[in-house]
Amino acid sequence: MEFVDEELNKTDLARLQVKYGDYVKVTVDIENEWIVVGPELHADGESLLIEKGSRRDDIWGAGVSFIDKQVDTTAVLNVQPHIGNNNLEILDKKIREKTHFIIRKYFQKLWY
């Protein structure tokens, strides 16, 4: 698992794909715009982000496919009934879009 706070270059992406396979879990702090790439569980990434100063309500789980270049926002970590998310998917459109935006910012070389 790796804390990431700057854009990943093509070499980084290739290394991550070799290390984690064709799909990598990503835990995202939507407030600080930080990510953790490659946690075994999204909750592991959450713990690291909290150590860095993130707030629990700002942390969401997602994943990136290196093959079809898709971002998904489905994770057990996303079940947060206390803030209205009773689903594995991020239901709030603004939070889901922000999560996608942050992931695409770090992984942008995957698409270009």
Protein backbone atom coordinates (compact mmCIF):
# COMPACT_ATOMS: atom_id res chain seq x y z
CA MET A 1 0.00 0.00 0.00
CA GLU A 2 1.31 3.42 -0.94
CA PHE A 3 0.32 6.94 0.10
CA VAL A 4 0.17 9.14 -3.00
CA ASP A 5 0.02 12.93 -3.09
CA GLU A 6 1.35 13.65 -6.58
CA GLU A 7 0.50 12.54 -10.11
CA LEU A 8 1.62 9.05 -11.07
CA ASN A 9 3.79 8.88 -14.20
CA LYS A 10 3.80 6.04 -16.75
CA THR A 11 6.62 4.26 -14.90
CA ASP A 12 4.69 4.47 -11.61
CA LEU A 13 1.60 3.06 -13.30
CA ALA A 14 3.53 0.16 -14.83
CA ARG A 15 5.13 -0.60 -11.45
CA LEU A 16 1.74 -0.51 -9.72
CA GLN A 17 0.23 -2.85 -12.30
CA VAL A 18 3.08 -5.35 -11.84
CA LYS A 19 2.79 -5.09 -8.05
CA TYR A 20 -1.01 -5.19 -7.69
CA GLY A 21 -2.28 -6.76 -10.91
CA ASP A 22 -4.80 -5.48 -13.41
CA TYR A 23 -7.05 -3.95 -10.73
CA VAL A 24 -5.93 -1.84 -7.80
CA LYS A 25 -7.94 -0.68 -4.79
CA VAL A 26 -7.74 3.01 -4.00
CA THR A 27 -8.77 4.78 -0.81
CA VAL A 28 -9.48 8.48 -1.33
CA ASP A 29 -9.60 11.50 0.98
CA ILE A 30 -11.90 13.88 -0.89
CA GLU A 31 -11.06 16.87 1.32
CA ASN A 32 -7.24 16.77 1.21
CA GLU A 33 -7.24 15.08 -2.23
CA TRP A 34 -4.89 12.32 -1.10
CA ILE A 35 -5.05 8.68 -2.10
CA VAL A 36 -3.69 5.36 -0.92
CA VAL A 37 -3.07 2.87 -3.70
CA GLY A 38 -3.00 -0.88 -3.22
CA PRO A 39 -4.41 -1.53 0.24
CA GLU A 40 -5.48 -5.12 0.81
CA LEU A 41 -8.65 -3.68 2.33
CA HIS A 42 -9.90 -0.14 1.75
CA ALA A 43 -9.96 0.15 5.56
CA ASP A 44 -6.16 -0.29 5.58
CA GLY A 45 -5.90 2.78 3.35
CA GLU A 46 -8.35 4.57 5.63
CA SER A 47 -6.08 3.93 8.63
CA LEU A 48 -3.09 5.38 6.80
CA LEU A 49 -5.05 8.46 5.71
CA ILE A 50 -6.28 9.03 9.26
CA GLU A 51 -2.66 8.84 10.46
CA LYS A 52 -1.88 11.59 7.92
CA GLY A 53 -4.68 13.78 9.29
CA SER A 54 -7.76 12.83 7.26
CA ARG A 55 -11.26 12.81 8.74
CA ARG A 56 -13.24 9.56 8.49
CA ASP A 57 -16.23 11.20 6.77
CA ASP A 58 -13.94 12.39 3.94
CA ILE A 59 -12.58 8.92 3.11
CA TRP A 60 -14.09 6.72 0.39
CA GLY A 61 -13.19 3.45 -1.33
CA ALA A 62 -12.74 2.94 -5.05
CA GLY A 63 -10.74 0.97 -7.58
CA VAL A 64 -9.00 1.33 -10.93
CA SER A 65 -8.81 -1.24 -13.70
CA PHE A 66 -5.59 -1.04 -15.70
CA ILE A 67 -7.17 -3.11 -18.48
CA ASP A 68 -10.40 -1.27 -19.30
CA LYS A 69 -9.27 1.98 -17.63
CA GLN A 70 -12.44 2.24 -15.57
CA VAL A 71 -12.84 3.72 -12.11
CA ASP A 72 -15.40 2.16 -9.79
CA THR A 73 -16.62 3.54 -6.50
CA THR A 74 -17.85 0.36 -4.83
CA ALA A 75 -16.37 -0.69 -1.48
CA VAL A 76 -17.49 -1.92 1.93
CA LEU A 77 -15.78 1.18 3.31
CA ASN A 78 -18.43 3.29 1.57
CA VAL A 79 -21.22 1.96 3.80
CA GLN A 80 -21.57 5.00 6.06
CA PRO A 81 -25.16 5.16 7.33
CA HIS A 82 -24.35 8.02 9.71
CA ILE A 83 -23.89 10.29 6.67
CA GLY A 84 -26.62 8.72 4.53
CA ASN A 85 -24.63 6.21 2.45
CA ASN A 86 -26.29 2.84 3.07
CA ASN A 87 -24.71 1.19 0.05
CA LEU A 88 -21.39 -0.18 -1.18
CA GLU A 89 -21.59 2.39 -4.00
CA ILE A 90 -21.08 6.09 -3.29
CA LEU A 91 -24.66 7.33 -3.65
CA ASP A 92 -24.06 11.08 -3.32
CA LYS A 93 -23.38 12.34 -6.83
CA LYS A 94 -21.05 15.15 -5.68
CA ILE A 95 -18.94 12.80 -3.51
CA ARG A 96 -18.81 10.19 -6.29
CA GLU A 97 -17.77 12.80 -8.88
CA LYS A 98 -15.12 14.24 -6.53
CA THR A 99 -13.75 10.73 -5.92
CA HIS A 100 -13.54 10.12 -9.68
CA PHE A 101 -11.93 13.53 -10.23
CA ILE A 102 -9.21 12.88 -7.64
CA ILE A 103 -8.43 9.41 -8.95
CA ARG A 104 -8.29 10.66 -12.53
CA LYS A 105 -5.95 13.47 -11.43
CA TYR A 106 -3.44 11.00 -10.00
CA PHE A 107 -3.90 8.31 -12.66
CA GLN A 108 -4.28 10.68 -15.64
CA LYS A 109 -1.35 9.09 -17.52
CA LEU A 110 -3.43 5.89 -17.67
CA TRP A 111 -5.77 7.64 -20.11
CA TYR A 112 -3.23 9.78 -22.02
